[in-house]
Amino acid sequence: MRYMLLSGALLLIWQLGTADVAHGAVQSVNKVDNRIGLIEQNDNSLREEAIVRIVDVTNLRSGAGIDYEIVGKAKPGETYPVLGSTGEWYYVSLPDGGTAYVAGWVVNAGAGVSGNLCTPGNLTRTNLEVITDKDAFVRFDDNTNLRNGPGLEFDIVAKAKTGDAFPVVGSEGEWIIVQLPEGATAYVAGWVVKIESPGRSTETNQQQCKSADSGVYIYHTHNLESWKNVASQTRGSSVDDPEVNITLVGAQISEQLKAKGIVTTVAKDDFANNLKVKKLSYTKSYSESRKAVDKARAENPKLQYFFDIHRDSDVPRSKTTATIGKKSYARILFVIGTGHANHQENKKFAEALNALLNKKYPGLSRGILLKSAHQGNGEYNQSVSSGSLLLEIGGVNNTLEESLLTAKAFADVFAEYYASAKPIGKKETY
């Protein structure tokens, strides 16, 4: 029996861009378990009007699998009618009359357009209609950066002031393309503006989704951390890999939270390489990741939750593994740095999640570990917000598959916490 290759791992592979590279990456991931594959099952139950909306630059293939030939490229925001599906792959109709397959984990599917602006790539049908109105415009409720592309990594080309209104000319994923007064165009994040059109009454994006006011930022200070059974770099105490590493776990958490309507951003920074280029020691890892966190806060002041995802060191499997419902999970350890004045608030946050985790997934938590400056970094970038945590998901003796299952469980628990949580206050940097 073959297992479904989990979307978090495949998302990274997919983005490598060529068939040969992708195929090689799959072989690397398959070191985790050579039984991993794609379940092939036909599903013709999709409604005739169903479409998929592309959320990233995406390969279109001749068959339902990443080992098939690339026959085209789709761009963010493009839509294709769905003809059927095979396992995790959608069979779509192309504009030129041809057909192709696209991976289900890099698109949003539904009758028309489903979801809302709180999930990247999704627009409500109402807002889609408003955006395509000839006279649609966005109104700014705060000073806002305008960029030359659909993402925080693109350059800032202008700033909009509170009360400004610019015509809408299109959209890519969760980013709105607007026309500037001088005639040029720019991109603005959909969750920080109102979409309006004469004669239509629409809610603001902030009202439609609570998560727009308290997004999640995921990063990986030790981004190369891997597992013994797959790591390609095992010098000394290092267990690292440039591809099959902890970033796949963070990506899985992100995808699960987005699917639940929670705005989530995953940092793509290669902190390990930053240290190498700058000739800095490993102990400077948190100083490097702090720069990314501060930049994210500056770009989106509404971020409230910051998760630094790690895996533990050479701890025995008996301590880092739990069996729940006949499935093997990597256990979670919450690490709280006490080296700043408001660490008790972070501890309360961890305690709330720990309680929920114990209730929904008994045995999955290893508890909460307090670490002072005498035991490590001591702060772990947690002074930025009382919603900051360092999560150790399993250890080097666990597997990617176990860690991805835990990522889904954590996202499930956090979403439940989030649904009933009051907005948390931001803490100044100490």
Protein backbone atom coordinates (compact mmCIF):
# COMPACT_ATOMS: atom_id res chain seq x y z
CA MET A 1 0.00 0.00 0.00
CA ARG A 2 1.32 3.38 -0.96
CA TYR A 3 0.96 6.53 1.11
CA MET A 4 -0.01 9.95 -0.12
CA LEU A 5 2.99 12.22 -0.45
CA LEU A 6 2.26 15.04 1.93
CA SER A 7 1.73 18.45 0.39
CA GLY A 8 4.22 20.34 2.54
CA ALA A 9 7.17 18.38 1.13
CA LEU A 10 5.91 18.45 -2.46
CA LEU A 11 5.30 22.19 -2.42
CA LEU A 12 9.02 22.85 -2.06
CA ILE A 13 9.84 20.31 -4.76
CA TRP A 14 7.24 21.72 -7.13
CA GLN A 15 8.75 25.17 -6.97
CA LEU A 16 12.15 23.94 -8.15
CA GLY A 17 10.78 24.48 -11.65
CA THR A 18 12.02 21.76 -14.02
CA ALA A 19 11.05 18.16 -14.51
CA ASP A 20 14.57 16.81 -14.00
CA VAL A 21 15.24 18.81 -10.84
CA ALA A 22 11.81 17.99 -9.45
CA HIS A 23 12.31 14.29 -10.15
CA GLY A 24 15.65 14.35 -8.34
CA ALA A 25 14.10 16.10 -5.37
CA VAL A 26 11.37 13.48 -5.18
CA GLN A 27 13.99 10.78 -4.97
CA SER A 28 15.57 12.68 -2.08
CA VAL A 29 12.28 12.94 -0.22
CA ASN A 30 11.52 9.29 -0.89
CA LYS A 31 14.48 8.37 1.29
CA VAL A 32 12.09 8.93 4.17
CA ASP A 33 10.05 5.90 3.17
CA ASN A 34 10.29 4.19 -0.19
CA ARG A 35 6.63 3.31 0.02
CA ILE A 36 5.63 6.97 -0.30
CA GLY A 37 3.77 7.67 -3.52
CA LEU A 38 0.60 9.17 -4.90
CA ILE A 39 -2.73 7.48 -4.42
CA GLU A 40 -4.39 7.29 -7.81
CA GLN A 41 -8.12 7.45 -7.67
CA ASN A 42 -10.55 8.92 -10.16
CA ASP A 43 -13.03 11.44 -8.86
CA ASN A 44 -15.57 12.64 -11.39
CA SER A 45 -17.88 14.10 -8.78
CA LEU A 46 -16.68 17.68 -9.36
CA ARG A 47 -19.34 20.06 -10.56
CA GLU A 48 -19.12 21.13 -14.19
CA GLU A 49 -18.55 24.77 -13.32
CA ALA A 50 -15.67 24.04 -10.95
CA ILE A 51 -12.42 25.89 -11.57
CA VAL A 52 -8.98 26.04 -10.04
CA ARG A 53 -7.24 29.34 -9.34
CA ILE A 54 -3.45 29.32 -9.49
CA VAL A 55 -1.76 30.73 -6.36
CA ASP A 56 1.88 30.59 -7.49
CA VAL A 57 3.90 30.13 -10.67
CA THR A 58 2.96 26.51 -11.34
CA ASN A 59 3.97 23.71 -13.68
CA LEU A 60 1.28 22.11 -15.81
CA ARG A 61 2.05 18.46 -16.59
CA SER A 62 1.06 15.74 -19.01
CA GLY A 63 0.03 13.37 -16.21
CA ALA A 64 -0.94 13.18 -12.55
CA GLY A 65 2.51 13.25 -10.97
CA ILE A 66 5.65 15.35 -10.78
CA ASP A 67 7.54 12.79 -12.84
CA TYR A 68 5.42 13.66 -15.89
CA GLU A 69 6.56 16.10 -18.57
CA ILE A 70 5.98 19.82 -18.04
CA VAL A 71 3.68 21.04 -20.83
CA GLY A 72 3.15 24.59 -19.69
CA LYS A 73 3.36 27.18 -16.92
CA ALA A 74 0.47 28.85 -15.11
CA LYS A 75 0.73 32.24 -13.46
CA PRO A 76 -0.81 33.41 -10.14
CA GLY A 77 -4.43 34.46 -10.57
CA GLU A 78 -5.10 32.40 -13.70
CA THR A 79 -8.10 30.07 -13.66
CA TYR A 80 -8.77 26.83 -15.52
CA PRO A 81 -11.96 24.75 -15.81
CA VAL A 82 -11.75 21.40 -14.00
CA LEU A 83 -12.55 18.32 -16.07
CA GLY A 84 -11.82 15.76 -13.37
CA SER A 85 -9.23 14.69 -10.82
CA THR A 86 -6.82 11.86 -10.07
CA GLY A 87 -5.72 11.65 -6.46
CA GLU A 88 -4.29 15.04 -5.51
CA TRP A 89 -4.12 16.23 -9.13
CA TYR A 90 -6.71 18.23 -11.07
CA TYR A 91 -7.28 17.54 -14.77
CA VAL A 92 -7.89 20.98 -16.33
CA SER A 93 -8.78 22.48 -19.69
CA LEU A 94 -6.28 24.93 -21.19
CA PRO A 95 -7.15 28.11 -23.14
CA ASP A 96 -5.79 26.63 -26.38
CA GLY A 97 -8.14 23.66 -26.12
CA GLY A 98 -5.57 21.24 -24.73
CA THR A 99 -5.60 19.62 -21.28
CA ALA A 100 -3.09 19.21 -18.47
CA TYR A 101 -2.72 18.19 -14.86
CA VAL A 102 -2.01 20.55 -11.95
CA ALA A 103 -1.18 19.63 -8.35
CA GLY A 104 -4.07 20.25 -5.96
CA TRP A 105 -1.84 21.69 -3.23
CA VAL A 106 -0.79 24.72 -5.32
CA VAL A 107 -4.26 25.81 -6.42
CA ASN A 108 -7.55 26.78 -4.89
CA ALA A 109 -10.53 24.87 -6.22
CA GLY A 110 -14.25 25.27 -5.99
CA ALA A 111 -17.40 26.17 -7.85
CA GLY A 112 -16.55 29.59 -9.19
CA VAL A 113 -14.06 31.04 -6.68
CA SER A 114 -14.22 29.93 -3.08
CA GLY A 115 -12.75 31.20 0.15
CA ASN A 116 -11.87 34.79 0.97
CA LEU A 117 -9.02 37.23 0.94
CA CYS A 118 -7.72 35.78 4.17
CA THR A 119 -6.48 32.72 2.31
CA PRO A 120 -3.76 33.51 -0.26
CA GLY A 121 -5.07 33.09 -3.77
CA ASN A 122 -8.73 33.13 -2.74
CA LEU A 123 -11.29 35.85 -3.36
CA THR A 124 -14.92 35.64 -2.40
CA ARG A 125 -17.29 35.58 -5.36
CA THR A 126 -18.61 38.96 -4.21
CA ASN A 127 -15.17 40.52 -4.07
CA LEU A 128 -14.16 38.93 -7.37
CA GLU A 129 -17.16 40.55 -8.97
CA VAL A 130 -16.29 43.87 -7.37
CA ILE A 131 -12.66 43.66 -8.49
CA THR A 132 -13.72 43.03 -12.08
CA ASP A 133 -16.16 45.95 -12.04
CA LYS A 134 -15.04 48.67 -14.42
CA ASP A 135 -15.15 51.34 -11.72
CA ALA A 136 -13.89 49.26 -8.77
CA PHE A 137 -11.33 50.88 -6.48
CA VAL A 138 -9.52 50.21 -3.21
CA ARG A 139 -9.62 52.57 -0.26
CA PHE A 140 -6.81 52.76 2.27
CA ASP A 141 -7.53 52.86 6.00
CA ASP A 142 -3.89 53.31 6.95
CA ASN A 143 -0.55 54.33 5.45
CA THR A 144 0.29 51.39 3.20
CA ASN A 145 3.21 50.23 1.08
CA LEU A 146 2.64 49.77 -2.65
CA ARG A 147 4.96 47.28 -4.36
CA ASN A 148 6.12 46.29 -7.83
CA GLY A 149 4.98 42.69 -7.37
CA PRO A 150 2.52 40.47 -5.43
CA GLY A 151 4.52 39.80 -2.28
CA LEU A 152 6.37 41.35 0.66
CA GLU A 153 9.69 40.51 -0.98
CA PHE A 154 9.04 42.97 -3.85
CA ASP A 155 10.33 46.55 -3.78
CA ILE A 156 8.23 49.39 -2.38
CA VAL A 157 7.48 51.80 -5.24
CA ALA A 158 5.12 54.19 -3.45
CA LYS A 159 3.14 54.74 -0.27
CA ALA A 160 -0.60 55.27 0.00
CA LYS A 161 -1.99 57.50 2.72
CA THR A 162 -5.07 56.99 4.85
CA GLY A 163 -8.14 57.83 2.78
CA ASP A 164 -6.48 57.41 -0.61
CA ALA A 165 -8.45 55.53 -3.27
CA PHE A 166 -6.92 53.95 -6.38
CA PRO A 167 -8.66 52.18 -9.29
CA VAL A 168 -8.40 48.39 -9.40
CA VAL A 169 -7.02 46.91 -12.62
CA GLY A 170 -6.64 43.28 -11.56
CA SER A 171 -5.46 40.86 -8.89
CA GLU A 172 -2.88 38.14 -8.29
CA GLY A 173 -3.64 35.80 -5.40
CA GLU A 174 -4.33 37.93 -2.35
CA TRP A 175 -2.73 41.03 -3.91
CA ILE A 176 -4.70 43.74 -5.70
CA ILE A 177 -3.24 45.56 -8.71
CA VAL A 178 -4.04 49.27 -8.61
CA GLN A 179 -3.45 52.18 -10.95
CA LEU A 180 -1.47 55.07 -9.51
CA PRO A 181 -2.29 58.75 -10.25
CA GLU A 182 0.60 59.04 -12.72
CA GLY A 183 -0.67 56.05 -14.69
CA ALA A 184 1.72 53.36 -13.43
CA THR A 185 0.48 50.26 -11.60
CA ALA A 186 1.41 48.74 -8.25
CA TYR A 187 0.40 45.92 -5.93
CA VAL A 188 -1.23 46.19 -2.51
CA ALA A 189 -2.02 43.41 -0.04
CA GLY A 190 -5.73 42.64 -0.17
CA TRP A 191 -6.07 42.28 3.59
CA VAL A 192 -5.20 45.93 4.33
CA VAL A 193 -7.61 47.68 1.98
CA LYS A 194 -11.31 48.03 1.28
CA ILE A 195 -12.59 46.96 -2.11
CA GLU A 196 -15.41 49.22 -3.25
CA SER A 197 -17.49 49.87 -6.34
CA PRO A 198 -20.23 52.41 -7.06
CA GLY A 199 -23.63 50.85 -6.50
CA ARG A 200 -22.32 47.86 -4.57
CA SER A 201 -22.25 47.36 -0.84
CA THR A 202 -19.34 45.19 0.29
CA GLU A 203 -17.76 44.45 3.61
CA THR A 204 -14.16 45.39 4.16
CA ASN A 205 -11.72 42.54 3.91
CA GLN A 206 -10.86 43.09 7.56
CA GLN A 207 -14.50 42.55 8.56
CA GLN A 208 -14.75 39.41 6.45
CA CYS A 209 -11.87 37.72 8.18
CA LYS A 210 -10.69 38.15 11.73
CA SER A 211 -7.31 36.75 10.78
CA ALA A 212 -6.46 39.83 8.75
CA ASP A 213 -6.00 41.61 12.07
CA SER A 214 -3.75 39.01 13.66
CA GLY A 215 -1.76 37.07 11.13
CA VAL A 216 0.80 34.34 11.71
CA TYR A 217 4.47 34.53 10.74
CA ILE A 218 6.42 31.25 10.50
CA TYR A 219 10.18 31.10 10.25
CA HIS A 220 13.05 28.67 10.86
CA THR A 221 16.12 30.04 12.63
CA HIS A 222 17.92 26.74 12.01
CA ASN A 223 16.46 26.19 8.57
CA LEU A 224 18.62 23.20 7.53
CA GLU A 225 17.66 20.97 10.47
CA SER A 226 16.83 17.52 9.12
CA TRP A 227 16.49 13.90 10.28
CA LYS A 228 19.02 11.08 10.51
CA ASN A 229 17.29 8.88 7.99
CA VAL A 230 17.45 11.49 5.21
CA ALA A 231 20.10 14.08 6.10
CA SER A 232 22.90 14.52 3.59
CA GLN A 233 25.10 16.48 6.02
CA THR A 234 25.97 14.68 9.25
CA ARG A 235 29.28 16.16 10.32
CA GLY A 236 29.83 16.23 14.06
CA SER A 237 26.51 16.91 15.76
CA SER A 238 24.97 18.40 12.61
CA VAL A 239 22.04 16.59 10.97
CA ASP A 240 21.19 18.89 8.09
CA ASP A 241 19.91 18.82 4.53
CA PRO A 242 19.50 21.65 2.00
CA GLU A 243 16.15 20.31 0.74
CA VAL A 244 14.56 17.80 3.11
CA ASN A 245 14.53 19.87 6.26
CA ILE A 246 12.42 21.60 8.90
CA THR A 247 11.16 24.24 6.44
CA LEU A 248 8.83 21.58 5.01
CA VAL A 249 7.19 21.30 8.43
CA GLY A 250 6.68 25.06 8.63
CA ALA A 251 5.19 25.00 5.13
CA GLN A 252 2.76 22.29 6.23
CA ILE A 253 1.62 24.34 9.22
CA SER A 254 1.16 27.34 6.94
CA GLU A 255 -0.93 25.45 4.39
CA GLN A 256 -3.14 24.01 7.11
CA LEU A 257 -3.72 27.43 8.70
CA LYS A 258 -4.45 29.07 5.35
CA ALA A 259 -7.01 26.37 4.64
CA LYS A 260 -8.70 27.38 7.88
CA GLY A 261 -8.81 31.05 6.82
CA ILE A 262 -5.88 32.29 8.92
CA VAL A 263 -3.50 34.66 7.20
CA THR A 264 -0.07 33.03 7.38
CA THR A 265 3.31 34.03 5.99
CA VAL A 266 6.31 31.71 5.82
CA ALA A 267 9.78 33.25 5.75
CA LYS A 268 11.95 31.96 2.90
CA ASP A 269 15.21 33.23 4.41
CA ASP A 270 18.20 30.91 4.33
CA PHE A 271 19.67 31.92 7.68
CA ALA A 272 22.31 29.19 7.55
CA ASN A 273 23.65 30.63 4.30
CA ASN A 274 23.49 34.15 5.73
CA LEU A 275 25.81 33.08 8.53
CA LYS A 276 28.18 31.47 6.04
CA VAL A 277 28.28 34.49 3.73
CA LYS A 278 28.80 36.90 6.63
CA LYS A 279 31.29 34.55 8.30
CA LEU A 280 29.27 34.55 11.51
CA SER A 281 29.19 31.79 14.10
CA TYR A 282 26.21 29.50 14.65
CA THR A 283 25.47 31.36 17.88
CA LYS A 284 24.41 34.36 15.79
CA SER A 285 21.50 32.45 14.22
CA TYR A 286 18.84 34.21 16.27
CA SER A 287 20.34 37.61 15.53
CA GLU A 288 19.91 36.83 11.82
CA SER A 289 16.37 35.51 12.16
CA ARG A 290 15.43 38.52 14.31
CA LYS A 291 16.15 40.77 11.33
CA ALA A 292 13.57 38.85 9.29
CA VAL A 293 11.04 39.03 12.13
CA ASP A 294 11.51 42.77 12.54
CA LYS A 295 11.18 43.29 8.80
CA ALA A 296 7.95 41.28 8.76
CA ARG A 297 6.56 43.36 11.64
CA ALA A 298 7.45 46.57 9.83
CA GLU A 299 5.76 45.34 6.66
CA ASN A 300 2.65 44.09 8.44
CA PRO A 301 2.11 45.64 11.88
CA LYS A 302 -0.98 43.44 12.32
CA LEU A 303 1.08 40.30 12.78
CA GLN A 304 0.57 38.92 16.26
CA TYR A 305 1.76 35.31 16.18
CA PHE A 306 5.34 34.28 15.47
CA PHE A 307 6.30 30.60 15.32
CA ASP A 308 9.96 29.59 15.06
CA ILE A 309 9.87 25.93 13.99
CA HIS A 310 12.72 23.57 14.94
CA ARG A 311 13.34 19.91 15.58
CA ASP A 312 15.15 18.76 18.72
CA SER A 313 18.61 17.21 18.82
CA ASP A 314 19.63 13.57 19.41
CA VAL A 315 16.86 12.75 21.88
CA PRO A 316 15.76 9.07 21.99
CA ARG A 317 12.73 8.27 19.80
CA SER A 318 10.95 6.95 22.87
CA LYS A 319 10.82 10.52 24.18
CA THR A 320 10.05 12.34 20.94
CA THR A 321 7.47 10.00 19.40
CA ALA A 322 3.79 9.42 20.17
CA THR A 323 1.35 6.94 18.69
CA ILE A 324 -2.13 8.36 18.23
CA GLY A 325 -4.81 6.39 16.42
CA LYS A 326 -2.20 3.94 15.12
CA LYS A 327 -0.23 6.79 13.54
CA SER A 328 3.24 7.84 14.63
CA TYR A 329 3.71 11.54 15.47
CA ALA A 330 6.74 13.65 16.39
CA ARG A 331 6.04 15.13 19.82
CA ILE A 332 6.03 18.92 20.38
CA LEU A 333 8.11 20.74 22.98
CA PHE A 334 7.24 24.39 23.69
CA VAL A 335 10.40 26.40 24.47
CA ILE A 336 10.04 29.73 26.27
CA GLY A 337 13.00 32.07 26.71
CA THR A 338 12.99 33.84 30.07
CA GLY A 339 15.59 36.41 29.05
CA HIS A 340 13.12 39.26 28.54
CA ALA A 341 10.69 41.13 30.77
CA ASN A 342 7.42 39.74 29.36
CA HIS A 343 8.22 36.06 29.06
CA GLN A 344 5.33 35.19 31.39
CA GLU A 345 2.92 36.26 28.65
CA ASN A 346 4.59 33.91 26.18
CA LYS A 347 4.38 31.16 28.81
CA LYS A 348 0.62 31.72 29.22
CA PHE A 349 0.18 31.43 25.48
CA ALA A 350 2.17 28.18 25.43
CA GLU A 351 0.16 26.83 28.36
CA ALA A 352 -3.12 27.49 26.55
CA LEU A 353 -1.95 25.65 23.43
CA ASN A 354 -0.42 22.88 25.51
CA ALA A 355 -3.74 22.30 27.30
CA LEU A 356 -5.61 22.10 23.99
CA LEU A 357 -2.98 19.79 22.54
CA ASN A 358 -3.25 17.43 25.51
CA LYS A 359 -7.03 17.40 25.14
CA LYS A 360 -7.22 16.79 21.39
CA TYR A 361 -4.03 14.78 20.89
CA PRO A 362 -3.12 13.09 24.20
CA GLY A 363 0.57 12.39 24.45
CA LEU A 364 1.62 14.66 21.60
CA SER A 365 3.06 17.38 23.85
CA ARG A 366 6.35 17.08 25.72
CA GLY A 367 5.37 20.07 27.80
CA ILE A 368 6.88 23.54 28.22
CA LEU A 369 10.58 24.16 28.73
CA LEU A 370 11.78 27.47 30.20
CA LYS A 371 15.31 28.45 29.18
CA SER A 372 17.28 31.34 30.62
CA ALA A 373 20.21 33.15 29.08
CA HIS A 374 22.47 30.70 30.95
CA GLN A 375 20.92 27.78 29.06
CA GLY A 376 20.87 29.16 25.53
CA ASN A 377 19.81 32.28 23.69
CA GLY A 378 17.40 33.16 26.50
CA GLU A 379 15.12 35.35 24.40
CA TYR A 380 14.55 33.50 21.11
CA ASN A 381 13.00 36.59 19.49
CA GLN A 382 9.96 36.16 21.75
CA SER A 383 9.98 39.74 23.03
CA VAL A 384 8.36 40.86 19.77
CA SER A 385 4.94 39.60 20.86
CA SER A 386 3.27 37.60 23.61
CA GLY A 387 2.15 35.33 20.76
CA SER A 388 5.72 34.22 20.00
CA LEU A 389 6.81 30.61 20.44
CA LEU A 390 9.70 28.32 19.64
CA LEU A 391 8.42 24.86 18.75
CA GLU A 392 10.63 21.78 18.81
CA ILE A 393 8.77 19.25 16.64
CA GLY A 394 10.31 15.85 17.24
CA GLY A 395 14.06 15.26 17.07
CA VAL A 396 16.72 13.94 14.72
CA ASN A 397 15.47 10.38 15.25
CA ASN A 398 11.99 11.15 13.97
CA THR A 399 10.96 11.30 10.31
CA LEU A 400 9.61 13.95 7.99
CA GLU A 401 6.34 12.06 7.74
CA GLU A 402 5.89 12.03 11.53
CA SER A 403 6.72 15.72 11.71
CA LEU A 404 4.24 16.63 8.98
CA LEU A 405 1.47 14.79 10.82
CA THR A 406 2.32 16.80 13.91
CA ALA A 407 2.28 20.02 11.88
CA LYS A 408 -1.31 19.28 10.88
CA ALA A 409 -2.24 18.54 14.50
CA PHE A 410 -0.64 21.76 15.74
CA ALA A 411 -2.45 23.80 13.08
CA ASP A 412 -5.70 22.16 14.14
CA VAL A 413 -5.11 23.08 17.77
CA PHE A 414 -3.95 26.61 17.06
CA ALA A 415 -6.97 27.27 14.83
CA GLU A 416 -9.26 26.25 17.68
CA TYR A 417 -7.39 28.50 20.09
CA TYR A 418 -7.40 31.32 17.59
CA ALA A 419 -11.15 31.16 16.96
CA SER A 420 -11.89 32.12 20.55
CA ALA A 421 -8.82 34.19 21.41
CA LYS A 422 -8.93 37.91 22.07
CA PRO A 423 -6.43 40.07 20.18
CA ILE A 424 -3.12 40.10 22.00
CA GLY A 425 -1.07 43.18 22.63
CA LYS A 426 2.20 43.81 20.87
CA LYS A 427 5.31 44.03 23.02
CA GLU A 428 8.12 46.41 22.36
CA THR A 429 11.57 45.06 21.58
CA TYR A 430 13.73 44.62 24.66
